[in-house]
Amino acid sequence: MDTLEELKIKGFIEEEVDPTLDLFSEINRLKKEKNAVILAHYYQEPDIQDIADYIGDSLGLSQQAAKTNAAIIVFAGVHFMAETAKILSPEKKVLLPDLKAGCSLSDSCPPHLFAKFKEQYPDHMVITYVNCTAELKAMSDIVCTSSNAVQIVNSLPKDQPIIFGPDRNLGRYVAQKTGRDLVLWNGACMVHEIFSQQRIFKLKNQHPEAKFIAHPECEESVLTMADYIGSTTGLLKYTIENPAQEFIVATESGIIHQMEKANPKKVFIPAPPNNQCACNECPHMKRNTLEKLYLCLKNEIPEIILPDVVIKKAQKPIERMLEISAQLGL
């Protein structure tokens, strides 16, 4: 049985935070004092996005952090994202505000089960979406993102059989775009799976001038209605460049904070899910709070620790993706 102190060290017990503290000032002070950089995914709460040094998609954030001289990376996101930061910056200390901030998509593909699945297709190349565990990346030939998955698959010989995981919706979208017969792992993101096609259709009728934009992790029935399909960064860029004044957004609603900051005169409507909630929020992403971010930086826990062998194996498919992307000019 762990002692109370041991549990605190592991990051399982939270301290009380003085409610009179100016958390923004304290976090900025600690950041300078400890030579730390704060990364925030687009799906984090607005306060965390506003105090972050870098905001973006998971892989882009990890790449950005690797370029800095920071000694500590605080990744306000979910577990697999912090793992990716550790893979790309093994010499840095990587912290996650809440160690329980997991991912339904990542959890839907346990590495030991994927290993057995992979054994059934010995001649197949394995391409995994970056939204997966370090162990799964270590079992892959190439890692991809939602923005380059189509190009990565197209770059391979037409006769090369491919396993694509863990997201079946992204995999199905890539298969349609490339005309390839991909073997798909049956995983999905809970947030992108519960959008209601019927409610979105009604919303589009209520806002006939609005552009409907969607992430490729959404189900096919939703994607067929979209005016634009793209990664989180792609969706944000589209709202900036497109002259439309209204957008219905089918991805985690945290991105709307950045859309509104970039387009203060435009209107953004979160696509409705098939439940009574007004919008879609990832409960895992929202486990991180400003208070947890402060404590994480103050105590330098919870820390992401990965075995060296996993780091080395997982680096190779990421490097392969970056090589292909560079060759294609992505």
C-alpha atoms as a PDB file:
ATOM      1  CA  MET A   1       0.000   0.000   0.000  1.00  0.00           C
ATOM      2  CA  ASP A   2       1.396   3.409  -0.988  1.00  0.00           C
ATOM      3  CA  THR A   3       1.791   5.998   1.729  1.00  0.00           C
ATOM      4  CA  LEU A   4       0.063   9.367   1.453  1.00  0.00           C
ATOM      5  CA  GLU A   5       3.379  10.998   0.538  1.00  0.00           C
ATOM      6  CA  GLU A   6       4.082   8.379  -2.141  1.00  0.00           C
ATOM      7  CA  LEU A   7       0.668   8.957  -3.683  1.00  0.00           C
ATOM      8  CA  LYS A   8       1.350  12.692  -3.782  1.00  0.00           C
ATOM      9  CA  ILE A   9       4.652  12.049  -5.532  1.00  0.00           C
ATOM     10  CA  LYS A  10       2.893   9.929  -8.126  1.00  0.00           C
ATOM     11  CA  GLY A  11       0.415  12.748  -8.694  1.00  0.00           C
ATOM     12  CA  PHE A  12      -2.684  10.911  -7.488  1.00  0.00           C
ATOM     13  CA  ILE A  13      -3.577  13.326  -4.680  1.00  0.00           C
ATOM     14  CA  GLU A  14      -4.283  16.993  -5.215  1.00  0.00           C
ATOM     15  CA  GLU A  15      -3.312  19.779  -2.835  1.00  0.00           C
ATOM     16  CA  GLU A  16      -5.669  22.528  -1.852  1.00  0.00           C
ATOM     17  CA  VAL A  17      -4.962  25.734  -3.756  1.00  0.00           C
ATOM     18  CA  ASP A  18      -5.208  29.065  -1.949  1.00  0.00           C
ATOM     19  CA  PRO A  19      -8.272  30.718  -3.561  1.00  0.00           C
ATOM     20  CA  THR A  20      -6.670  34.158  -3.208  1.00  0.00           C
ATOM     21  CA  LEU A  21      -3.720  33.220  -5.434  1.00  0.00           C
ATOM     22  CA  ASP A  22      -3.428  34.924  -8.801  1.00  0.00           C
ATOM     23  CA  LEU A  23      -2.879  31.692 -10.724  1.00  0.00           C
ATOM     24  CA  PHE A  24      -1.892  33.418 -13.958  1.00  0.00           C
ATOM     25  CA  SER A  25       0.880  35.347 -12.174  1.00  0.00           C
ATOM     26  CA  GLU A  26       2.022  32.312 -10.191  1.00  0.00           C
ATOM     27  CA  ILE A  27       2.158  30.067 -13.245  1.00  0.00           C
ATOM     28  CA  ASN A  28       4.125  32.671 -15.206  1.00  0.00           C
ATOM     29  CA  ARG A  29       6.524  33.083 -12.278  1.00  0.00           C
ATOM     30  CA  LEU A  30       7.088  29.330 -11.956  1.00  0.00           C
ATOM     31  CA  LYS A  31       7.494  28.981 -15.694  1.00  0.00           C
ATOM     32  CA  LYS A  32      10.392  31.446 -15.734  1.00  0.00           C
ATOM     33  CA  GLU A  33      11.902  30.096 -12.522  1.00  0.00           C
ATOM     34  CA  LYS A  34      11.907  26.489 -13.766  1.00  0.00           C
ATOM     35  CA  ASN A  35      12.617  27.143 -17.466  1.00  0.00           C
ATOM     36  CA  ALA A  36       9.346  25.495 -18.418  1.00  0.00           C
ATOM     37  CA  VAL A  37       7.149  25.701 -21.496  1.00  0.00           C
ATOM     38  CA  ILE A  38       3.381  25.175 -21.420  1.00  0.00           C
ATOM     39  CA  LEU A  39       1.627  23.444 -24.302  1.00  0.00           C
ATOM     40  CA  ALA A  40      -2.153  23.506 -24.600  1.00  0.00           C
ATOM     41  CA  HIS A  41      -4.272  21.525 -27.011  1.00  0.00           C
ATOM     42  CA  TYR A  42      -7.120  23.329 -28.743  1.00  0.00           C
ATOM     43  CA  TYR A  43      -9.610  21.346 -26.654  1.00  0.00           C
ATOM     44  CA  GLN A  44      -8.431  22.728 -23.300  1.00  0.00           C
ATOM     45  CA  GLU A  45     -10.486  25.220 -21.289  1.00  0.00           C
ATOM     46  CA  PRO A  46     -10.016  28.883 -22.372  1.00  0.00           C
ATOM     47  CA  ASP A  47      -7.930  29.904 -19.311  1.00  0.00           C
ATOM     48  CA  ILE A  48      -5.378  27.200 -20.040  1.00  0.00           C
ATOM     49  CA  GLN A  49      -5.245  28.137 -23.719  1.00  0.00           C
ATOM     50  CA  ASP A  50      -4.705  31.776 -22.782  1.00  0.00           C
ATOM     51  CA  ILE A  51      -1.730  31.092 -20.494  1.00  0.00           C
ATOM     52  CA  ALA A  52      -0.031  28.574 -22.788  1.00  0.00           C
ATOM     53  CA  ASP A  53       3.148  29.339 -24.711  1.00  0.00           C
ATOM     54  CA  TYR A  54       1.950  27.247 -27.647  1.00  0.00           C
ATOM     55  CA  ILE A  55      -1.548  26.178 -28.686  1.00  0.00           C
ATOM     56  CA  GLY A  56      -2.289  23.620 -31.363  1.00  0.00           C
ATOM     57  CA  ASP A  57      -2.676  19.981 -32.372  1.00  0.00           C
ATOM     58  CA  SER A  58      -0.860  17.329 -30.373  1.00  0.00           C
ATOM     59  CA  LEU A  59       2.030  16.476 -32.696  1.00  0.00           C
ATOM     60  CA  GLY A  60       2.669  20.088 -33.685  1.00  0.00           C
ATOM     61  CA  LEU A  61       2.889  21.050 -30.023  1.00  0.00           C
ATOM     62  CA  SER A  62       5.408  18.296 -29.284  1.00  0.00           C
ATOM     63  CA  GLN A  63       7.513  19.352 -32.259  1.00  0.00           C
ATOM     64  CA  GLN A  64       7.392  22.971 -31.105  1.00  0.00           C
ATOM     65  CA  ALA A  65       8.487  22.016 -27.583  1.00  0.00           C
ATOM     66  CA  ALA A  66      11.376  19.938 -28.929  1.00  0.00           C
ATOM     67  CA  LYS A  67      12.762  23.067 -30.608  1.00  0.00           C
ATOM     68  CA  THR A  68      12.866  25.079 -27.380  1.00  0.00           C
ATOM     69  CA  ASN A  69      15.601  25.085 -24.738  1.00  0.00           C
ATOM     70  CA  ALA A  70      13.045  24.488 -21.987  1.00  0.00           C
ATOM     71  CA  ALA A  71      13.979  21.947 -19.325  1.00  0.00           C
ATOM     72  CA  ILE A  72      10.354  21.159 -18.479  1.00  0.00           C
ATOM     73  CA  ILE A  73       7.373  20.594 -20.770  1.00  0.00           C
ATOM     74  CA  VAL A  74       3.916  20.904 -19.215  1.00  0.00           C
ATOM     75  CA  PHE A  75       1.442  19.371 -21.644  1.00  0.00           C
ATOM     76  CA  ALA A  76      -2.126  20.452 -21.018  1.00  0.00           C
ATOM     77  CA  GLY A  77      -3.801  17.728 -23.009  1.00  0.00           C
ATOM     78  CA  VAL A  78      -4.274  13.994 -22.571  1.00  0.00           C
ATOM     79  CA  HIS A  79      -1.872  11.180 -21.722  1.00  0.00           C
ATOM     80  CA  PHE A  80      -0.878  10.056 -25.225  1.00  0.00           C
ATOM     81  CA  MET A  81      -0.014  13.659 -26.141  1.00  0.00           C
ATOM     82  CA  ALA A  82       2.367  14.007 -23.207  1.00  0.00           C
ATOM     83  CA  GLU A  83       3.875  10.652 -24.200  1.00  0.00           C
ATOM     84  CA  THR A  84       4.500  11.983 -27.708  1.00  0.00           C
ATOM     85  CA  ALA A  85       6.268  15.004 -26.215  1.00  0.00           C
ATOM     86  CA  LYS A  86       8.464  12.653 -24.183  1.00  0.00           C
ATOM     87  CA  ILE A  87       9.251  10.573 -27.290  1.00  0.00           C
ATOM     88  CA  LEU A  88      10.391  13.676 -29.186  1.00  0.00           C
ATOM     89  CA  SER A  89      12.162  15.245 -26.172  1.00  0.00           C
ATOM     90  CA  PRO A  90      13.411  12.331 -24.050  1.00  0.00           C
ATOM     91  CA  GLU A  91      15.972  14.548 -22.293  1.00  0.00           C
ATOM     92  CA  LYS A  92      13.277  16.918 -20.985  1.00  0.00           C
ATOM     93  CA  LYS A  93      10.980  16.430 -18.006  1.00  0.00           C
ATOM     94  CA  VAL A  94       7.404  16.099 -19.308  1.00  0.00           C
ATOM     95  CA  LEU A  95       4.487  16.798 -16.968  1.00  0.00           C
ATOM     96  CA  LEU A  96       0.737  16.260 -17.334  1.00  0.00           C
ATOM     97  CA  PRO A  97      -1.589  18.283 -15.046  1.00  0.00           C
ATOM     98  CA  ASP A  98      -3.904  15.298 -14.468  1.00  0.00           C
ATOM     99  CA  LEU A  99      -2.487  11.812 -14.898  1.00  0.00           C
ATOM    100  CA  LYS A 100      -6.019  10.460 -15.368  1.00  0.00           C
ATOM    101  CA  ALA A 101      -6.575  12.579 -18.485  1.00  0.00           C
ATOM    102  CA  GLY A 102      -6.852   9.673 -20.891  1.00  0.00           C
ATOM    103  CA  CYS A 103      -8.395   9.296 -24.343  1.00  0.00           C
ATOM    104  CA  SER A 104     -11.303   7.106 -25.432  1.00  0.00           C
ATOM    105  CA  LEU A 105      -9.713   6.579 -28.870  1.00  0.00           C
ATOM    106  CA  SER A 106      -6.332   5.624 -27.433  1.00  0.00           C
ATOM    107  CA  ASP A 107      -8.029   3.345 -24.878  1.00  0.00           C
ATOM    108  CA  SER A 108      -9.988   1.622 -27.644  1.00  0.00           C
ATOM    109  CA  CYS A 109      -6.769   0.034 -28.927  1.00  0.00           C
ATOM    110  CA  PRO A 110      -4.932  -1.880 -26.171  1.00  0.00           C
ATOM    111  CA  PRO A 111      -1.402  -2.675 -27.437  1.00  0.00           C
ATOM    112  CA  HIS A 112      -1.531  -6.374 -26.514  1.00  0.00           C
ATOM    113  CA  LEU A 113      -4.721  -6.856 -28.551  1.00  0.00           C
ATOM    114  CA  PHE A 114      -3.368  -4.844 -31.456  1.00  0.00           C
ATOM    115  CA  ALA A 115      -0.253  -7.047 -31.455  1.00  0.00           C
ATOM    116  CA  LYS A 116      -2.448 -10.123 -31.984  1.00  0.00           C
ATOM    117  CA  PHE A 117      -4.431  -8.278 -34.674  1.00  0.00           C
ATOM    118  CA  LYS A 118      -1.188  -7.320 -36.421  1.00  0.00           C
ATOM    119  CA  GLU A 119      -0.018 -10.956 -36.451  1.00  0.00           C
ATOM    120  CA  GLN A 120      -2.965 -11.836 -38.700  1.00  0.00           C
ATOM    121  CA  TYR A 121      -1.553  -9.581 -41.453  1.00  0.00           C
ATOM    122  CA  PRO A 122       2.209 -10.243 -41.549  1.00  0.00           C
ATOM    123  CA  ASP A 123       2.703  -8.638 -44.975  1.00  0.00           C
ATOM    124  CA  HIS A 124       0.882  -5.397 -44.038  1.00  0.00           C
ATOM    125  CA  MET A 125       2.514  -2.089 -43.216  1.00  0.00           C
ATOM    126  CA  VAL A 126       1.125  -0.527 -40.015  1.00  0.00           C
ATOM    127  CA  ILE A 127       0.091   3.125 -40.083  1.00  0.00           C
ATOM    128  CA  THR A 128      -1.196   4.489 -36.795  1.00  0.00           C
ATOM    129  CA  TYR A 129      -2.914   7.778 -36.123  1.00  0.00           C
ATOM    130  CA  VAL A 130      -0.897   9.860 -33.656  1.00  0.00           C
ATOM    131  CA  ASN A 131      -3.798   9.631 -31.184  1.00  0.00           C
ATOM    132  CA  CYS A 132      -2.535   6.394 -29.649  1.00  0.00           C
ATOM    133  CA  THR A 133      -0.237   5.156 -26.901  1.00  0.00           C
ATOM    134  CA  ALA A 134       3.542   5.149 -27.066  1.00  0.00           C
ATOM    135  CA  GLU A 135       3.439   1.334 -27.123  1.00  0.00           C
ATOM    136  CA  LEU A 136       1.227   1.385 -30.213  1.00  0.00           C
ATOM    137  CA  LYS A 137       3.498   3.863 -31.958  1.00  0.00           C
ATOM    138  CA  ALA A 138       6.419   1.543 -31.157  1.00  0.00           C
ATOM    139  CA  MET A 139       4.593  -1.251 -33.041  1.00  0.00           C
ATOM    140  CA  SER A 140       4.041   0.914 -36.133  1.00  0.00           C
ATOM    141  CA  ASP A 141       5.867   1.527 -39.404  1.00  0.00           C
ATOM    142  CA  ILE A 142       4.564   5.070 -39.872  1.00  0.00           C
ATOM    143  CA  VAL A 143       2.624   7.464 -37.658  1.00  0.00           C
ATOM    144  CA  CYS A 144       0.237   9.958 -39.270  1.00  0.00           C
ATOM    145  CA  THR A 145      -1.959  12.892 -38.312  1.00  0.00           C
ATOM    146  CA  SER A 146      -5.459  13.744 -39.469  1.00  0.00           C
ATOM    147  CA  SER A 147      -3.968  16.407 -41.750  1.00  0.00           C
ATOM    148  CA  ASN A 148      -1.451  14.170 -43.544  1.00  0.00           C
ATOM    149  CA  ALA A 149      -3.000  10.680 -43.359  1.00  0.00           C
ATOM    150  CA  VAL A 150      -4.271  10.775 -46.957  1.00  0.00           C
ATOM    151  CA  GLN A 151      -0.915  11.928 -48.334  1.00  0.00           C
ATOM    152  CA  ILE A 152       1.022   9.378 -46.252  1.00  0.00           C
ATOM    153  CA  VAL A 153      -1.077   6.505 -47.612  1.00  0.00           C
ATOM    154  CA  ASN A 154      -0.861   7.854 -51.179  1.00  0.00           C
ATOM    155  CA  SER A 155       2.928   7.990 -50.902  1.00  0.00           C
ATOM    156  CA  LEU A 156       3.142   4.202 -50.529  1.00  0.00           C
ATOM    157  CA  PRO A 157       3.134   1.722 -53.445  1.00  0.00           C
ATOM    158  CA  LYS A 158      -0.371   0.803 -54.601  1.00  0.00           C
ATOM    159  CA  ASP A 159       0.304  -2.897 -53.981  1.00  0.00           C
ATOM    160  CA  GLN A 160       1.448  -2.332 -50.381  1.00  0.00           C
ATOM    161  CA  PRO A 161      -1.230  -3.719 -48.014  1.00  0.00           C
ATOM    162  CA  ILE A 162      -1.869  -1.474 -45.011  1.00  0.00           C
ATOM    163  CA  ILE A 163      -3.284  -1.783 -41.507  1.00  0.00           C
ATOM    164  CA  PHE A 164      -4.681   1.552 -40.298  1.00  0.00           C
ATOM    165  CA  GLY A 165      -5.520   2.220 -36.667  1.00  0.00           C
ATOM    166  CA  PRO A 166      -6.842   3.012 -34.220  1.00  0.00           C
ATOM    167  CA  ASP A 167      -9.611   5.295 -35.565  1.00  0.00           C
ATOM    168  CA  ARG A 168     -12.031   3.532 -37.922  1.00  0.00           C
ATOM    169  CA  ASN A 169     -13.736   6.759 -38.985  1.00  0.00           C
ATOM    170  CA  LEU A 170     -10.498   8.460 -40.003  1.00  0.00           C
ATOM    171  CA  GLY A 171      -9.414   5.184 -41.619  1.00  0.00           C
ATOM    172  CA  ARG A 172     -12.633   4.949 -43.613  1.00  0.00           C
ATOM    173  CA  TYR A 173     -12.232   8.566 -44.741  1.00  0.00           C
ATOM    174  CA  VAL A 174      -8.628   7.913 -45.825  1.00  0.00           C
ATOM    175  CA  ALA A 175      -9.680   4.752 -47.683  1.00  0.00           C
ATOM    176  CA  GLN A 176     -12.326   6.708 -49.599  1.00  0.00           C
ATOM    177  CA  LYS A 177      -9.913   9.514 -50.466  1.00  0.00           C
ATOM    178  CA  THR A 178      -7.115   7.179 -51.597  1.00  0.00           C
ATOM    179  CA  GLY A 179      -9.112   4.328 -53.082  1.00  0.00           C
ATOM    180  CA  ARG A 180      -7.088   1.904 -50.959  1.00  0.00           C
ATOM    181  CA  ASP A 181      -8.457  -1.193 -49.262  1.00  0.00           C
ATOM    182  CA  LEU A 182      -7.215  -0.550 -45.730  1.00  0.00           C
ATOM    183  CA  VAL A 183      -7.512  -3.056 -42.891  1.00  0.00           C
ATOM    184  CA  LEU A 184      -9.058  -0.977 -40.096  1.00  0.00           C
ATOM    185  CA  TRP A 185      -8.824  -1.390 -36.350  1.00  0.00           C
ATOM    186  CA  ASN A 186     -12.279  -0.860 -34.833  1.00  0.00           C
ATOM    187  CA  GLY A 187     -11.556   2.137 -32.575  1.00  0.00           C
ATOM    188  CA  ALA A 188     -13.202   5.541 -32.246  1.00  0.00           C
ATOM    189  CA  CYS A 189     -13.278   8.828 -30.340  1.00  0.00           C
ATOM    190  CA  MET A 190     -16.305   9.166 -28.071  1.00  0.00           C
ATOM    191  CA  VAL A 191     -16.599  12.902 -28.764  1.00  0.00           C
ATOM    192  CA  HIS A 192     -16.658  12.596 -32.554  1.00  0.00           C
ATOM    193  CA  GLU A 193     -18.965   9.558 -32.527  1.00  0.00           C
ATOM    194  CA  ILE A 194     -22.005  11.142 -30.901  1.00  0.00           C
ATOM    195  CA  PHE A 195     -22.839  13.981 -33.268  1.00  0.00           C
ATOM    196  CA  SER A 196     -26.453  13.748 -34.370  1.00  0.00           C
ATOM    197  CA  GLN A 197     -26.956  13.783 -38.139  1.00  0.00           C
ATOM    198  CA  GLN A 198     -30.633  14.642 -37.702  1.00  0.00           C
ATOM    199  CA  ARG A 199     -29.991  17.559 -35.321  1.00  0.00           C
ATOM    200  CA  ILE A 200     -27.185  18.886 -37.523  1.00  0.00           C
ATOM    201  CA  PHE A 201     -29.530  18.781 -40.533  1.00  0.00           C
ATOM    202  CA  LYS A 202     -32.095  20.849 -38.606  1.00  0.00           C
ATOM    203  CA  LEU A 203     -29.365  23.273 -37.531  1.00  0.00           C
ATOM    204  CA  LYS A 204     -28.216  23.684 -41.134  1.00  0.00           C
ATOM    205  CA  ASN A 205     -31.797  24.519 -42.147  1.00  0.00           C
ATOM    206  CA  GLN A 206     -31.963  27.137 -39.378  1.00  0.00           C
ATOM    207  CA  HIS A 207     -28.664  28.650 -40.558  1.00  0.00           C
ATOM    208  CA  PRO A 208     -28.707  28.206 -44.359  1.00  0.00           C
ATOM    209  CA  GLU A 209     -25.698  30.502 -44.890  1.00  0.00           C
ATOM    210  CA  ALA A 210     -23.513  28.695 -42.342  1.00  0.00           C
ATOM    211  CA  LYS A 211     -20.642  26.468 -43.419  1.00  0.00           C
ATOM    212  CA  PHE A 212     -20.671  23.054 -41.779  1.00  0.00           C
ATOM    213  CA  ILE A 213     -17.117  21.939 -40.947  1.00  0.00           C
ATOM    214  CA  ALA A 214     -16.122  18.594 -39.460  1.00  0.00           C
ATOM    215  CA  HIS A 215     -13.140  16.616 -38.210  1.00  0.00           C
ATOM    216  CA  PRO A 216     -12.476  13.340 -40.097  1.00  0.00           C
ATOM    217  CA  GLU A 217     -12.868  11.390 -36.826  1.00  0.00           C
ATOM    218  CA  CYS A 218     -16.630  11.980 -37.204  1.00  0.00           C
ATOM    219  CA  GLU A 219     -18.860   9.214 -38.562  1.00  0.00           C
ATOM    220  CA  GLU A 220     -19.360   8.938 -42.301  1.00  0.00           C
ATOM    221  CA  SER A 221     -23.002  10.078 -42.107  1.00  0.00           C
ATOM    222  CA  VAL A 222     -21.827  13.368 -40.596  1.00  0.00           C
ATOM    223  CA  LEU A 223     -18.888  13.843 -42.963  1.00  0.00           C
ATOM    224  CA  THR A 224     -21.150  13.521 -46.018  1.00  0.00           C
ATOM    225  CA  MET A 225     -22.928  16.715 -44.892  1.00  0.00           C
ATOM    226  CA  ALA A 226     -19.756  18.768 -44.434  1.00  0.00           C
ATOM    227  CA  ASP A 227     -18.655  21.726 -46.544  1.00  0.00           C
ATOM    228  CA  TYR A 228     -15.126  21.170 -45.296  1.00  0.00           C
ATOM    229  CA  ILE A 229     -13.370  18.251 -43.562  1.00  0.00           C
ATOM    230  CA  GLY A 230     -10.046  18.777 -41.851  1.00  0.00           C
ATOM    231  CA  SER A 231      -7.811  18.506 -38.814  1.00  0.00           C
ATOM    232  CA  THR A 232      -8.357  20.823 -35.866  1.00  0.00           C
ATOM    233  CA  THR A 233      -5.761  23.228 -37.218  1.00  0.00           C
ATOM    234  CA  GLY A 234      -7.286  22.870 -40.689  1.00  0.00           C
ATOM    235  CA  LEU A 235     -10.734  23.754 -39.368  1.00  0.00           C
ATOM    236  CA  LEU A 236      -9.376  26.851 -37.630  1.00  0.00           C
ATOM    237  CA  LYS A 237      -7.555  27.969 -40.780  1.00  0.00           C
ATOM    238  CA  TYR A 238     -10.685  27.417 -42.880  1.00  0.00           C
ATOM    239  CA  THR A 239     -12.765  29.710 -40.631  1.00  0.00           C
ATOM    240  CA  ILE A 240     -10.135  32.435 -41.019  1.00  0.00           C
ATOM    241  CA  GLU A 241      -9.809  32.165 -44.795  1.00  0.00           C
ATOM    242  CA  ASN A 242     -13.450  31.506 -45.725  1.00  0.00           C
ATOM    243  CA  PRO A 243     -15.651  34.633 -46.073  1.00  0.00           C
ATOM    244  CA  ALA A 244     -18.686  32.956 -44.474  1.00  0.00           C
ATOM    245  CA  GLN A 245     -19.937  34.634 -41.302  1.00  0.00           C
ATOM    246  CA  GLU A 246     -21.403  31.559 -39.625  1.00  0.00           C
ATOM    247  CA  PHE A 247     -19.906  28.121 -39.027  1.00  0.00           C
ATOM    248  CA  ILE A 248     -21.347  24.931 -37.539  1.00  0.00           C
ATOM    249  CA  VAL A 249     -18.417  23.117 -35.970  1.00  0.00           C
ATOM    250  CA  ALA A 250     -18.313  19.312 -35.592  1.00  0.00           C
ATOM    251  CA  THR A 251     -15.365  18.682 -33.305  1.00  0.00           C
ATOM    252  CA  GLU A 252     -14.632  19.201 -29.612  1.00  0.00           C
ATOM    253  CA  SER A 253     -16.027  22.624 -28.725  1.00  0.00           C
ATOM    254  CA  GLY A 254     -12.794  23.859 -27.102  1.00  0.00           C
ATOM    255  CA  ILE A 255     -11.522  24.900 -30.538  1.00  0.00           C
ATOM    256  CA  ILE A 256     -14.262  27.545 -30.739  1.00  0.00           C
ATOM    257  CA  HIS A 257     -12.308  29.722 -28.277  1.00  0.00           C
ATOM    258  CA  GLN A 258      -9.496  30.099 -30.829  1.00  0.00           C
ATOM    259  CA  MET A 259     -11.957  30.495 -33.710  1.00  0.00           C
ATOM    260  CA  GLU A 260     -13.681  33.376 -31.903  1.00  0.00           C
ATOM    261  CA  LYS A 261     -10.346  35.023 -31.044  1.00  0.00           C
ATOM    262  CA  ALA A 262      -9.231  34.826 -34.673  1.00  0.00           C
ATOM    263  CA  ASN A 263     -12.661  35.844 -36.051  1.00  0.00           C
ATOM    264  CA  PRO A 264     -14.354  38.153 -33.513  1.00  0.00           C
ATOM    265  CA  LYS A 265     -17.125  39.159 -35.917  1.00  0.00           C
ATOM    266  CA  LYS A 266     -18.046  35.638 -37.002  1.00  0.00           C
ATOM    267  CA  VAL A 267     -20.504  33.257 -35.328  1.00  0.00           C
ATOM    268  CA  PHE A 268     -19.562  29.710 -34.338  1.00  0.00           C
ATOM    269  CA  ILE A 269     -22.156  27.095 -33.441  1.00  0.00           C
ATOM    270  CA  PRO A 270     -21.115  23.770 -31.867  1.00  0.00           C
ATOM    271  CA  ALA A 271     -22.672  20.845 -33.723  1.00  0.00           C
ATOM    272  CA  PRO A 272     -25.204  19.098 -31.495  1.00  0.00           C
ATOM    273  CA  PRO A 273     -24.653  15.538 -30.260  1.00  0.00           C
ATOM    274  CA  ASN A 274     -27.329  12.883 -29.903  1.00  0.00           C
ATOM    275  CA  ASN A 275     -27.913  13.685 -26.228  1.00  0.00           C
ATOM    276  CA  GLN A 276     -29.308  16.663 -24.329  1.00  0.00           C
ATOM    277  CA  CYS A 277     -26.005  18.537 -24.033  1.00  0.00           C
ATOM    278  CA  ALA A 278     -25.735  21.767 -26.032  1.00  0.00           C
ATOM    279  CA  CYS A 279     -22.290  20.896 -27.341  1.00  0.00           C
ATOM    280  CA  ASN A 280     -19.583  18.253 -27.371  1.00  0.00           C
ATOM    281  CA  GLU A 281     -16.836  18.360 -24.754  1.00  0.00           C
ATOM    282  CA  CYS A 282     -14.177  15.749 -24.075  1.00  0.00           C
ATOM    283  CA  PRO A 283     -14.374  14.827 -20.374  1.00  0.00           C
ATOM    284  CA  HIS A 284     -10.749  13.683 -20.467  1.00  0.00           C
ATOM    285  CA  MET A 285      -9.475  17.000 -21.842  1.00  0.00           C
ATOM    286  CA  LYS A 286     -11.535  18.899 -19.298  1.00  0.00           C
ATOM    287  CA  ARG A 287      -9.887  17.048 -16.372  1.00  0.00           C
ATOM    288  CA  ASN A 288      -7.092  19.595 -16.662  1.00  0.00           C
ATOM    289  CA  THR A 289      -7.756  22.856 -14.833  1.00  0.00           C
ATOM    290  CA  LEU A 290      -5.766  26.001 -14.135  1.00  0.00           C
ATOM    291  CA  GLU A 291      -5.377  24.862 -10.511  1.00  0.00           C
ATOM    292  CA  LYS A 292      -3.966  21.489 -11.575  1.00  0.00           C
ATOM    293  CA  LEU A 293      -1.651  23.202 -14.037  1.00  0.00           C
ATOM    294  CA  TYR A 294      -0.308  25.393 -11.230  1.00  0.00           C
ATOM    295  CA  LEU A 295       0.244  22.444  -8.863  1.00  0.00           C
ATOM    296  CA  CYS A 296       1.810  20.405 -11.634  1.00  0.00           C
ATOM    297  CA  LEU A 297       4.367  23.109 -12.331  1.00  0.00           C
ATOM    298  CA  LYS A 298       4.940  23.856  -8.648  1.00  0.00           C
ATOM    299  CA  ASN A 299       5.580  20.227  -7.632  1.00  0.00           C
ATOM    300  CA  GLU A 300       6.841  18.937 -11.000  1.00  0.00           C
ATOM    301  CA  ILE A 301       4.418  15.997 -10.887  1.00  0.00           C
ATOM    302  CA  PRO A 302       2.801  13.950 -12.369  1.00  0.00           C
ATOM    303  CA  GLU A 303       5.739  13.167 -14.658  1.00  0.00           C
ATOM    304  CA  ILE A 304       5.517  11.062 -17.814  1.00  0.00           C
ATOM    305  CA  ILE A 305       8.040   8.217 -17.685  1.00  0.00           C
ATOM    306  CA  LEU A 306       8.592   5.885 -20.656  1.00  0.00           C
ATOM    307  CA  PRO A 307      11.058   3.001 -21.040  1.00  0.00           C
ATOM    308  CA  ASP A 308      14.018   3.888 -23.285  1.00  0.00           C
ATOM    309  CA  VAL A 309      13.260   0.970 -25.579  1.00  0.00           C
ATOM    310  CA  VAL A 310       9.707   2.257 -26.189  1.00  0.00           C
ATOM    311  CA  ILE A 311      10.981   5.770 -26.854  1.00  0.00           C
ATOM    312  CA  LYS A 312      13.507   4.552 -29.411  1.00  0.00           C
ATOM    313  CA  LYS A 313      11.025   2.293 -31.206  1.00  0.00           C
ATOM    314  CA  ALA A 314       8.308   4.977 -31.219  1.00  0.00           C
ATOM    315  CA  GLN A 315      10.665   7.620 -32.599  1.00  0.00           C
ATOM    316  CA  LYS A 316      11.197   5.674 -35.846  1.00  0.00           C
ATOM    317  CA  PRO A 317       7.620   5.780 -37.236  1.00  0.00           C
ATOM    318  CA  ILE A 318       7.325   9.459 -36.296  1.00  0.00           C
ATOM    319  CA  GLU A 319      10.612  10.208 -38.064  1.00  0.00           C
ATOM    320  CA  ARG A 320       9.354   8.251 -41.087  1.00  0.00           C
ATOM    321  CA  MET A 321       6.213  10.388 -41.190  1.00  0.00           C
ATOM    322  CA  LEU A 322       8.285  13.580 -40.985  1.00  0.00           C
ATOM    323  CA  GLU A 323      10.552  12.350 -43.796  1.00  0.00           C
ATOM    324  CA  ILE A 324       7.580  11.597 -46.070  1.00  0.00           C
ATOM    325  CA  SER A 325       5.950  14.928 -45.185  1.00  0.00           C
ATOM    326  CA  ALA A 326       9.159  16.791 -46.029  1.00  0.00           C
ATOM    327  CA  GLN A 327       9.442  14.952 -49.356  1.00  0.00           C
ATOM    328  CA  LEU A 328       5.840  15.868 -50.194  1.00  0.00           C
ATOM    329  CA  GLY A 329       6.261  19.459 -49.042  1.00  0.00           C
ATOM    330  CA  LEU A 330       3.591  19.163 -46.374  1.00  0.00           C
END
